[in-house]
Amino acid sequence: LINNAQLKPTDSVLDLGCGKLYLAAVIQYLDKGKY
């Protein structure tokens, strides 16, 4: 996501079909309340 969407900590992310949380590292990277 950093390479292909230029994801920044201030961005908001919607994880459709989040399941058992493959985007855990993304939550750690994002600012509070952005996931």
PDB file of all heavy atoms in Angstrom:
ATOM      1  N   LEU A   1       0.821  -1.217   0.000  1.00  0.00           N
ATOM      2  CA  LEU A   1       0.000   0.000   0.000  1.00  0.00           C
ATOM      3  C   LEU A   1       0.854   1.265   0.000  1.00  0.00           C
ATOM      4  O   LEU A   1       0.477   2.266  -0.605  1.00  0.00           O
ATOM      5  CB  LEU A   1      -0.948  -0.006   1.198  1.00  0.00           C
ATOM      6  CG  LEU A   1      -2.057  -1.070   1.150  1.00  0.00           C
ATOM      7  CD1 LEU A   1      -2.902  -1.030   2.409  1.00  0.00           C
ATOM      8  CD2 LEU A   1      -2.937  -0.883  -0.086  1.00  0.00           C
ATOM      9  N   ILE A   2       1.995   1.219   0.637  1.00  0.00           N
ATOM     10  CA  ILE A   2       2.895   2.378   0.607  1.00  0.00           C
ATOM     11  C   ILE A   2       3.435   2.577  -0.808  1.00  0.00           C
ATOM     12  O   ILE A   2       3.488   3.703  -1.322  1.00  0.00           O
ATOM     13  CB  ILE A   2       4.051   2.197   1.607  1.00  0.00           C
ATOM     14  CG1 ILE A   2       3.517   2.288   3.043  1.00  0.00           C
ATOM     15  CG2 ILE A   2       5.128   3.254   1.380  1.00  0.00           C
ATOM     16  CD1 ILE A   2       4.552   1.988   4.100  1.00  0.00           C
ATOM     17  N   ASN A   3       3.791   1.472  -1.463  1.00  0.00           N
ATOM     18  CA  ASN A   3       4.382   1.556  -2.805  1.00  0.00           C
ATOM     19  C   ASN A   3       3.363   1.869  -3.883  1.00  0.00           C
ATOM     20  O   ASN A   3       3.673   2.573  -4.850  1.00  0.00           O
ATOM     21  CB  ASN A   3       5.099   0.252  -3.144  1.00  0.00           C
ATOM     22  CG  ASN A   3       6.343   0.024  -2.309  1.00  0.00           C
ATOM     23  OD1 ASN A   3       6.916   0.971  -1.769  1.00  0.00           O
ATOM     24  ND2 ASN A   3       6.757  -1.221  -2.181  1.00  0.00           N
ATOM     25  N   ASN A   4       2.150   1.345  -3.747  1.00  0.00           N
ATOM     26  CA  ASN A   4       1.170   1.460  -4.819  1.00  0.00           C
ATOM     27  C   ASN A   4       0.093   2.515  -4.586  1.00  0.00           C
ATOM     28  O   ASN A   4      -0.557   2.948  -5.534  1.00  0.00           O
ATOM     29  CB  ASN A   4       0.497   0.103  -5.054  1.00  0.00           C
ATOM     30  CG  ASN A   4       1.434  -0.903  -5.673  1.00  0.00           C
ATOM     31  OD1 ASN A   4       1.615  -0.955  -6.885  1.00  0.00           O
ATOM     32  ND2 ASN A   4       2.059  -1.723  -4.834  1.00  0.00           N
ATOM     33  N   ALA A   5      -0.126   2.895  -3.335  1.00  0.00           N
ATOM     34  CA  ALA A   5      -1.134   3.923  -3.037  1.00  0.00           C
ATOM     35  C   ALA A   5      -0.521   5.129  -2.349  1.00  0.00           C
ATOM     36  O   ALA A   5      -1.237   6.048  -1.966  1.00  0.00           O
ATOM     37  CB  ALA A   5      -2.238   3.334  -2.159  1.00  0.00           C
ATOM     38  N   GLN A   6       0.817   5.106  -2.182  1.00  0.00           N
ATOM     39  CA  GLN A   6       1.515   6.185  -1.468  1.00  0.00           C
ATOM     40  C   GLN A   6       0.845   6.431  -0.109  1.00  0.00           C
ATOM     41  O   GLN A   6       0.607   7.573   0.305  1.00  0.00           O
ATOM     42  CB  GLN A   6       1.540   7.469  -2.288  1.00  0.00           C
ATOM     43  CG  GLN A   6       2.402   7.382  -3.548  1.00  0.00           C
ATOM     44  CD  GLN A   6       1.746   6.566  -4.649  1.00  0.00           C
ATOM     45  OE1 GLN A   6       0.608   6.823  -5.030  1.00  0.00           O
ATOM     46  NE2 GLN A   6       2.453   5.573  -5.172  1.00  0.00           N
ATOM     47  N   LEU A   7       0.498   5.312   0.574  1.00  0.00           N
ATOM     48  CA  LEU A   7      -0.193   5.388   1.854  1.00  0.00           C
ATOM     49  C   LEU A   7       0.617   6.183   2.869  1.00  0.00           C
ATOM     50  O   LEU A   7       1.805   5.959   3.048  1.00  0.00           O
ATOM     51  CB  LEU A   7      -0.448   3.976   2.394  1.00  0.00           C
ATOM     52  CG  LEU A   7      -1.255   3.891   3.694  1.00  0.00           C
ATOM     53  CD1 LEU A   7      -2.712   4.301   3.438  1.00  0.00           C
ATOM     54  CD2 LEU A   7      -1.193   2.473   4.268  1.00  0.00           C
ATOM     55  N   LYS A   8      -0.058   7.097   3.555  1.00  0.00           N
ATOM     56  CA  LYS A   8       0.545   7.917   4.604  1.00  0.00           C
ATOM     57  C   LYS A   8      -0.166   7.644   5.928  1.00  0.00           C
ATOM     58  O   LYS A   8      -1.338   7.243   5.927  1.00  0.00           O
ATOM     59  CB  LYS A   8       0.437   9.398   4.242  1.00  0.00           C
ATOM     60  CG  LYS A   8       1.046   9.780   2.900  1.00  0.00           C
ATOM     61  CD  LYS A   8       0.956  11.266   2.648  1.00  0.00           C
ATOM     62  CE  LYS A   8      -0.480  11.757   2.524  1.00  0.00           C
ATOM     63  NZ  LYS A   8      -1.206  11.189   1.374  1.00  0.00           N
ATOM     64  N   PRO A   9       0.479   7.900   7.051  1.00  0.00           N
ATOM     65  CA  PRO A   9      -0.168   7.662   8.352  1.00  0.00           C
ATOM     66  C   PRO A   9      -1.463   8.438   8.536  1.00  0.00           C
ATOM     67  O   PRO A   9      -2.355   7.992   9.268  1.00  0.00           O
ATOM     68  CB  PRO A   9       0.893   8.115   9.353  1.00  0.00           C
ATOM     69  CG  PRO A   9       2.198   7.917   8.640  1.00  0.00           C
ATOM     70  CD  PRO A   9       1.909   8.269   7.205  1.00  0.00           C
ATOM     71  N   THR A  10      -1.586   9.576   7.872  1.00  0.00           N
ATOM     72  CA  THR A  10      -2.788  10.402   8.016  1.00  0.00           C
ATOM     73  C   THR A  10      -3.945   9.929   7.144  1.00  0.00           C
ATOM     74  O   THR A  10      -5.054  10.455   7.256  1.00  0.00           O
ATOM     75  CB  THR A  10      -2.469  11.860   7.668  1.00  0.00           C
ATOM     76  OG1 THR A  10      -1.870  11.915   6.355  1.00  0.00           O
ATOM     77  CG2 THR A  10      -1.507  12.462   8.686  1.00  0.00           C
ATOM     78  N   ASP A  11      -3.708   8.960   6.254  1.00  0.00           N
ATOM     79  CA  ASP A  11      -4.755   8.450   5.368  1.00  0.00           C
ATOM     80  C   ASP A  11      -5.728   7.557   6.130  1.00  0.00           C
ATOM     81  O   ASP A  11      -5.403   6.994   7.173  1.00  0.00           O
ATOM     82  CB  ASP A  11      -4.144   7.649   4.220  1.00  0.00           C
ATOM     83  CG  ASP A  11      -3.454   8.528   3.198  1.00  0.00           C
ATOM     84  OD1 ASP A  11      -3.756   9.737   3.154  1.00  0.00           O
ATOM     85  OD2 ASP A  11      -2.601   8.008   2.443  1.00  0.00           O
ATOM     86  N   SER A  12      -6.930   7.418   5.580  1.00  0.00           N
ATOM     87  CA  SER A  12      -7.926   6.503   6.126  1.00  0.00           C
ATOM     88  C   SER A  12      -8.009   5.269   5.238  1.00  0.00           C
ATOM     89  O   SER A  12      -7.908   5.366   4.015  1.00  0.00           O
ATOM     90  CB  SER A  12      -9.286   7.182   6.218  1.00  0.00           C
ATOM     91  OG  SER A  12      -9.657   7.710   4.954  1.00  0.00           O
ATOM     92  N   VAL A  13      -8.206   4.100   5.861  1.00  0.00           N
ATOM     93  CA  VAL A  13      -8.242   2.830   5.148  1.00  0.00           C
ATOM     94  C   VAL A  13      -9.502   2.067   5.519  1.00  0.00           C
ATOM     95  O   VAL A  13      -9.818   1.895   6.698  1.00  0.00           O
ATOM     96  CB  VAL A  13      -7.004   1.967   5.479  1.00  0.00           C
ATOM     97  CG1 VAL A  13      -7.137   0.573   4.850  1.00  0.00           C
ATOM     98  CG2 VAL A  13      -5.735   2.643   4.988  1.00  0.00           C
ATOM     99  N   LEU A  14     -10.238   1.603   4.500  1.00  0.00           N
ATOM    100  CA  LEU A  14     -11.381   0.717   4.693  1.00  0.00           C
ATOM    101  C   LEU A  14     -10.975  -0.674   4.227  1.00  0.00           C
ATOM    102  O   LEU A  14     -10.607  -0.866   3.071  1.00  0.00           O
ATOM    103  CB  LEU A  14     -12.591   1.207   3.899  1.00  0.00           C
ATOM    104  CG  LEU A  14     -13.805   0.273   3.863  1.00  0.00           C
ATOM    105  CD1 LEU A  14     -14.361   0.033   5.261  1.00  0.00           C
ATOM    106  CD2 LEU A  14     -14.895   0.833   2.946  1.00  0.00           C
ATOM    107  N   ASP A  15     -11.057  -1.639   5.131  1.00  0.00           N
ATOM    108  CA  ASP A  15     -10.658  -3.023   4.870  1.00  0.00           C
ATOM    109  C   ASP A  15     -11.920  -3.863   4.726  1.00  0.00           C
ATOM    110  O   ASP A  15     -12.515  -4.293   5.716  1.00  0.00           O
ATOM    111  CB  ASP A  15      -9.797  -3.501   6.045  1.00  0.00           C
ATOM    112  CG  ASP A  15      -9.188  -4.880   5.820  1.00  0.00           C
ATOM    113  OD1 ASP A  15      -9.370  -5.444   4.730  1.00  0.00           O
ATOM    114  OD2 ASP A  15      -8.521  -5.368   6.754  1.00  0.00           O
ATOM    115  N   LEU A  16     -12.346  -4.103   3.470  1.00  0.00           N
ATOM    116  CA  LEU A  16     -13.553  -4.887   3.211  1.00  0.00           C
ATOM    117  C   LEU A  16     -13.203  -6.373   3.260  1.00  0.00           C
ATOM    118  O   LEU A  16     -12.309  -6.829   2.562  1.00  0.00           O
ATOM    119  CB  LEU A  16     -14.120  -4.551   1.836  1.00  0.00           C
ATOM    120  CG  LEU A  16     -14.849  -3.220   1.680  1.00  0.00           C
ATOM    121  CD1 LEU A  16     -15.409  -3.102   0.268  1.00  0.00           C
ATOM    122  CD2 LEU A  16     -15.959  -3.083   2.699  1.00  0.00           C
ATOM    123  N   GLY A  17     -13.944  -7.119   4.070  1.00  0.00           N
ATOM    124  CA  GLY A  17     -13.595  -8.513   4.264  1.00  0.00           C
ATOM    125  C   GLY A  17     -12.354  -8.614   5.131  1.00  0.00           C
ATOM    126  O   GLY A  17     -11.437  -9.378   4.824  1.00  0.00           O
ATOM    127  N   CYS A  18     -12.331  -7.860   6.226  1.00  0.00           N
ATOM    128  CA  CYS A  18     -11.118  -7.760   7.040  1.00  0.00           C
ATOM    129  C   CYS A  18     -10.741  -9.092   7.674  1.00  0.00           C
ATOM    130  O   CYS A  18      -9.579  -9.336   7.994  1.00  0.00           O
ATOM    131  CB  CYS A  18     -11.278  -6.696   8.114  1.00  0.00           C
ATOM    132  SG  CYS A  18     -12.635  -6.992   9.281  1.00  0.00           S
ATOM    133  N   GLY A  19     -11.724  -9.977   7.870  1.00  0.00           N
ATOM    134  CA  GLY A  19     -11.441 -11.313   8.365  1.00  0.00           C
ATOM    135  C   GLY A  19     -10.606 -11.310   9.636  1.00  0.00           C
ATOM    136  O   GLY A  19     -10.864 -10.573  10.578  1.00  0.00           O
ATOM    137  N   LYS A  20      -9.554 -12.129   9.621  1.00  0.00           N
ATOM    138  CA  LYS A  20      -8.708 -12.233  10.812  1.00  0.00           C
ATOM    139  C   LYS A  20      -7.535 -11.260  10.758  1.00  0.00           C
ATOM    140  O   LYS A  20      -6.488 -11.486  11.347  1.00  0.00           O
ATOM    141  CB  LYS A  20      -8.226 -13.656  11.019  1.00  0.00           C
ATOM    142  CG  LYS A  20      -7.607 -14.320   9.811  1.00  0.00           C
ATOM    143  CD  LYS A  20      -7.282 -15.777  10.123  1.00  0.00           C
ATOM    144  CE  LYS A  20      -6.655 -16.455   8.914  1.00  0.00           C
ATOM    145  NZ  LYS A  20      -6.267 -17.845   9.208  1.00  0.00           N
ATOM    146  N   LEU A  21      -7.719 -10.190  10.038  1.00  0.00           N
ATOM    147  CA  LEU A  21      -6.859  -9.004  10.100  1.00  0.00           C
ATOM    148  C   LEU A  21      -5.483  -9.176   9.451  1.00  0.00           C
ATOM    149  O   LEU A  21      -4.460  -9.233  10.127  1.00  0.00           O
ATOM    150  CB  LEU A  21      -6.684  -8.556  11.552  1.00  0.00           C
ATOM    151  CG  LEU A  21      -6.359  -7.076  11.741  1.00  0.00           C
ATOM    152  CD1 LEU A  21      -7.461  -6.208  11.168  1.00  0.00           C
ATOM    153  CD2 LEU A  21      -6.173  -6.761  13.211  1.00  0.00           C
ATOM    154  N   TYR A  22      -5.479  -9.201   8.127  1.00  0.00           N
ATOM    155  CA  TYR A  22      -4.223  -9.214   7.388  1.00  0.00           C
ATOM    156  C   TYR A  22      -3.559  -7.838   7.388  1.00  0.00           C
ATOM    157  O   TYR A  22      -2.379  -7.727   7.084  1.00  0.00           O
ATOM    158  CB  TYR A  22      -4.457  -9.681   5.948  1.00  0.00           C
ATOM    159  CG  TYR A  22      -4.795 -11.150   5.843  1.00  0.00           C
ATOM    160  CD1 TYR A  22      -6.098 -11.564   5.583  1.00  0.00           C
ATOM    161  CD2 TYR A  22      -3.808 -12.122   6.017  1.00  0.00           C
ATOM    162  CE1 TYR A  22      -6.409 -12.913   5.496  1.00  0.00           C
ATOM    163  CE2 TYR A  22      -4.118 -13.469   5.931  1.00  0.00           C
ATOM    164  CZ  TYR A  22      -5.413 -13.860   5.667  1.00  0.00           C
ATOM    165  OH  TYR A  22      -5.727 -15.199   5.598  1.00  0.00           O
ATOM    166  N   LEU A  23      -4.332  -6.798   7.714  1.00  0.00           N
ATOM    167  CA  LEU A  23      -3.780  -5.442   7.672  1.00  0.00           C
ATOM    168  C   LEU A  23      -3.370  -4.933   9.054  1.00  0.00           C
ATOM    169  O   LEU A  23      -3.371  -3.727   9.307  1.00  0.00           O
ATOM    170  CB  LEU A  23      -4.799  -4.473   7.048  1.00  0.00           C
ATOM    171  CG  LEU A  23      -5.202  -4.741   5.603  1.00  0.00           C
ATOM    172  CD1 LEU A  23      -6.023  -3.572   5.065  1.00  0.00           C
ATOM    173  CD2 LEU A  23      -4.011  -4.996   4.706  1.00  0.00           C
ATOM    174  N   ALA A  24      -2.984  -5.827   9.942  1.00  0.00           N
ATOM    175  CA  ALA A  24      -2.569  -5.419  11.284  1.00  0.00           C
ATOM    176  C   ALA A  24      -1.413  -4.427  11.229  1.00  0.00           C
ATOM    177  O   ALA A  24      -1.382  -3.433  11.970  1.00  0.00           O
ATOM    178  CB  ALA A  24      -2.181  -6.639  12.117  1.00  0.00           C
ATOM    179  N   ALA A  25      -0.445  -4.662  10.342  1.00  0.00           N
ATOM    180  CA  ALA A  25       0.704  -3.754  10.227  1.00  0.00           C
ATOM    181  C   ALA A  25       0.265  -2.388   9.716  1.00  0.00           C
ATOM    182  O   ALA A  25       0.886  -1.370  10.044  1.00  0.00           O
ATOM    183  CB  ALA A  25       1.762  -4.360   9.302  1.00  0.00           C
ATOM    184  N   VAL A  26      -0.806  -2.357   8.930  1.00  0.00           N
ATOM    185  CA  VAL A  26      -1.334  -1.090   8.424  1.00  0.00           C
ATOM    186  C   VAL A  26      -1.940  -0.288   9.571  1.00  0.00           C
ATOM    187  O   VAL A  26      -1.761   0.933   9.655  1.00  0.00           O
ATOM    188  CB  VAL A  26      -2.381  -1.337   7.318  1.00  0.00           C
ATOM    189  CG1 VAL A  26      -3.052  -0.031   6.896  1.00  0.00           C
ATOM    190  CG2 VAL A  26      -1.720  -2.006   6.115  1.00  0.00           C
ATOM    191  N   ILE A  27      -2.650  -0.962  10.475  1.00  0.00           N
ATOM    192  CA  ILE A  27      -3.225  -0.274  11.637  1.00  0.00           C
ATOM    193  C   ILE A  27      -2.116   0.352  12.477  1.00  0.00           C
ATOM    194  O   ILE A  27      -2.232   1.482  12.947  1.00  0.00           O
ATOM    195  CB  ILE A  27      -4.047  -1.254  12.488  1.00  0.00           C
ATOM    196  CG1 ILE A  27      -5.232  -1.780  11.683  1.00  0.00           C
ATOM    197  CG2 ILE A  27      -4.537  -0.574  13.776  1.00  0.00           C
ATOM    198  CD1 ILE A  27      -6.045  -2.841  12.399  1.00  0.00           C
ATOM    199  N   GLN A  28      -1.032  -0.380  12.669  1.00  0.00           N
ATOM    200  CA  GLN A  28       0.101   0.124  13.442  1.00  0.00           C
ATOM    201  C   GLN A  28       0.700   1.364  12.784  1.00  0.00           C
ATOM    202  O   GLN A  28       1.107   2.309  13.453  1.00  0.00           O
ATOM    203  CB  GLN A  28       1.175  -0.958  13.553  1.00  0.00           C
ATOM    204  CG  GLN A  28       2.427  -0.539  14.321  1.00  0.00           C
ATOM    205  CD  GLN A  28       2.139  -0.286  15.792  1.00  0.00           C
ATOM    206  OE1 GLN A  28       1.700  -1.161  16.508  1.00  0.00           O
ATOM    207  NE2 GLN A  28       2.379   0.937  16.243  1.00  0.00           N
ATOM    208  N   TYR A  29       0.697   1.385  11.468  1.00  0.00           N
ATOM    209  CA  TYR A  29       1.299   2.474  10.689  1.00  0.00           C
ATOM    210  C   TYR A  29       0.420   3.721  10.679  1.00  0.00           C
ATOM    211  O   TYR A  29       0.921   4.848  10.709  1.00  0.00           O
ATOM    212  CB  TYR A  29       1.538   1.970   9.269  1.00  0.00           C
ATOM    213  CG  TYR A  29       2.004   2.999   8.276  1.00  0.00           C
ATOM    214  CD1 TYR A  29       3.337   3.420   8.241  1.00  0.00           C
ATOM    215  CD2 TYR A  29       1.125   3.537   7.336  1.00  0.00           C
ATOM    216  CE1 TYR A  29       3.770   4.349   7.313  1.00  0.00           C
ATOM    217  CE2 TYR A  29       1.549   4.471   6.400  1.00  0.00           C
ATOM    218  CZ  TYR A  29       2.871   4.879   6.398  1.00  0.00           C
ATOM    219  OH  TYR A  29       3.292   5.796   5.473  1.00  0.00           O
ATOM    220  N   LEU A  30      -0.906   3.517  10.668  1.00  0.00           N
ATOM    221  CA  LEU A  30      -1.836   4.643  10.533  1.00  0.00           C
ATOM    222  C   LEU A  30      -1.984   5.423  11.832  1.00  0.00           C
ATOM    223  O   LEU A  30      -1.751   4.907  12.926  1.00  0.00           O
ATOM    224  CB  LEU A  30      -3.215   4.128  10.110  1.00  0.00           C
ATOM    225  CG  LEU A  30      -3.352   3.515   8.721  1.00  0.00           C
ATOM    226  CD1 LEU A  30      -4.755   2.956   8.530  1.00  0.00           C
ATOM    227  CD2 LEU A  30      -3.023   4.533   7.631  1.00  0.00           C
ATOM    228  N   ASP A  31      -2.413   6.676  11.691  1.00  0.00           N
ATOM    229  CA  ASP A  31      -2.756   7.478  12.861  1.00  0.00           C
ATOM    230  C   ASP A  31      -4.004   6.911  13.540  1.00  0.00           C
ATOM    231  O   ASP A  31      -4.754   6.113  12.960  1.00  0.00           O
ATOM    232  CB  ASP A  31      -3.019   8.938  12.445  1.00  0.00           C
ATOM    233  CG  ASP A  31      -1.745   9.680  12.073  1.00  0.00           C
ATOM    234  OD1 ASP A  31      -0.651   9.151  12.348  1.00  0.00           O
ATOM    235  OD2 ASP A  31      -1.853  10.783  11.502  1.00  0.00           O
ATOM    236  N   LYS A  32      -4.248   7.364  14.736  1.00  0.00           N
ATOM    237  CA  LYS A  32      -5.376   6.917  15.535  1.00  0.00           C
ATOM    238  C   LYS A  32      -6.705   7.148  14.807  1.00  0.00           C
ATOM    239  O   LYS A  32      -6.940   8.212  14.240  1.00  0.00           O
ATOM    240  CB  LYS A  32      -5.377   7.679  16.860  1.00  0.00           C
ATOM    241  CG  LYS A  32      -6.491   7.316  17.810  1.00  0.00           C
ATOM    242  CD  LYS A  32      -6.355   8.110  19.094  1.00  0.00           C
ATOM    243  CE  LYS A  32      -7.484   7.813  20.068  1.00  0.00           C
ATOM    244  NZ  LYS A  32      -7.340   8.579  21.331  1.00  0.00           N
ATOM    245  N   GLY A  33      -7.549   6.113  14.806  1.00  0.00           N
ATOM    246  CA  GLY A  33      -8.894   6.239  14.252  1.00  0.00           C
ATOM    247  C   GLY A  33      -8.988   6.224  12.746  1.00  0.00           C
ATOM    248  O   GLY A  33     -10.035   6.562  12.190  1.00  0.00           O
ATOM    249  N   LYS A  34      -7.946   5.796  12.055  1.00  0.00           N
ATOM    250  CA  LYS A  34      -7.929   5.854  10.588  1.00  0.00           C
ATOM    251  C   LYS A  34      -8.186   4.500   9.915  1.00  0.00           C
ATOM    252  O   LYS A  34      -8.171   4.417   8.692  1.00  0.00           O
ATOM    253  CB  LYS A  34      -6.586   6.415  10.110  1.00  0.00           C
ATOM    254  CG  LYS A  34      -6.422   7.899  10.383  1.00  0.00           C
ATOM    255  CD  LYS A  34      -7.457   8.717   9.624  1.00  0.00           C
ATOM    256  CE  LYS A  34      -7.264  10.199   9.773  1.00  0.00           C
ATOM    257  NZ  LYS A  34      -8.259  10.960   8.986  1.00  0.00           N
ATOM    258  N   TYR A  35      -8.423   3.453  10.706  1.00  0.00           N
ATOM    259  CA  TYR A  35      -8.687   2.133  10.124  1.00  0.00           C
ATOM    260  C   TYR A  35     -10.131   1.728  10.385  1.00  0.00           C
ATOM    261  O   TYR A  35     -10.638   1.830  11.500  1.00  0.00           O
ATOM    262  CB  TYR A  35      -7.763   1.074  10.723  1.00  0.00           C
ATOM    263  CG  TYR A  35      -8.126  -0.345  10.306  1.00  0.00           C
ATOM    264  CD1 TYR A  35      -7.595  -0.894   9.149  1.00  0.00           C
ATOM    265  CD2 TYR A  35      -9.013  -1.112  11.067  1.00  0.00           C
ATOM    266  CE1 TYR A  35      -7.944  -2.181   8.755  1.00  0.00           C
ATOM    267  CE2 TYR A  35      -9.360  -2.388  10.679  1.00  0.00           C
ATOM    268  CZ  TYR A  35      -8.834  -2.916   9.525  1.00  0.00           C
ATOM    269  OH  TYR A  35      -9.180  -4.191   9.134  1.00  0.00           O
TER     270      TYR A  35
END
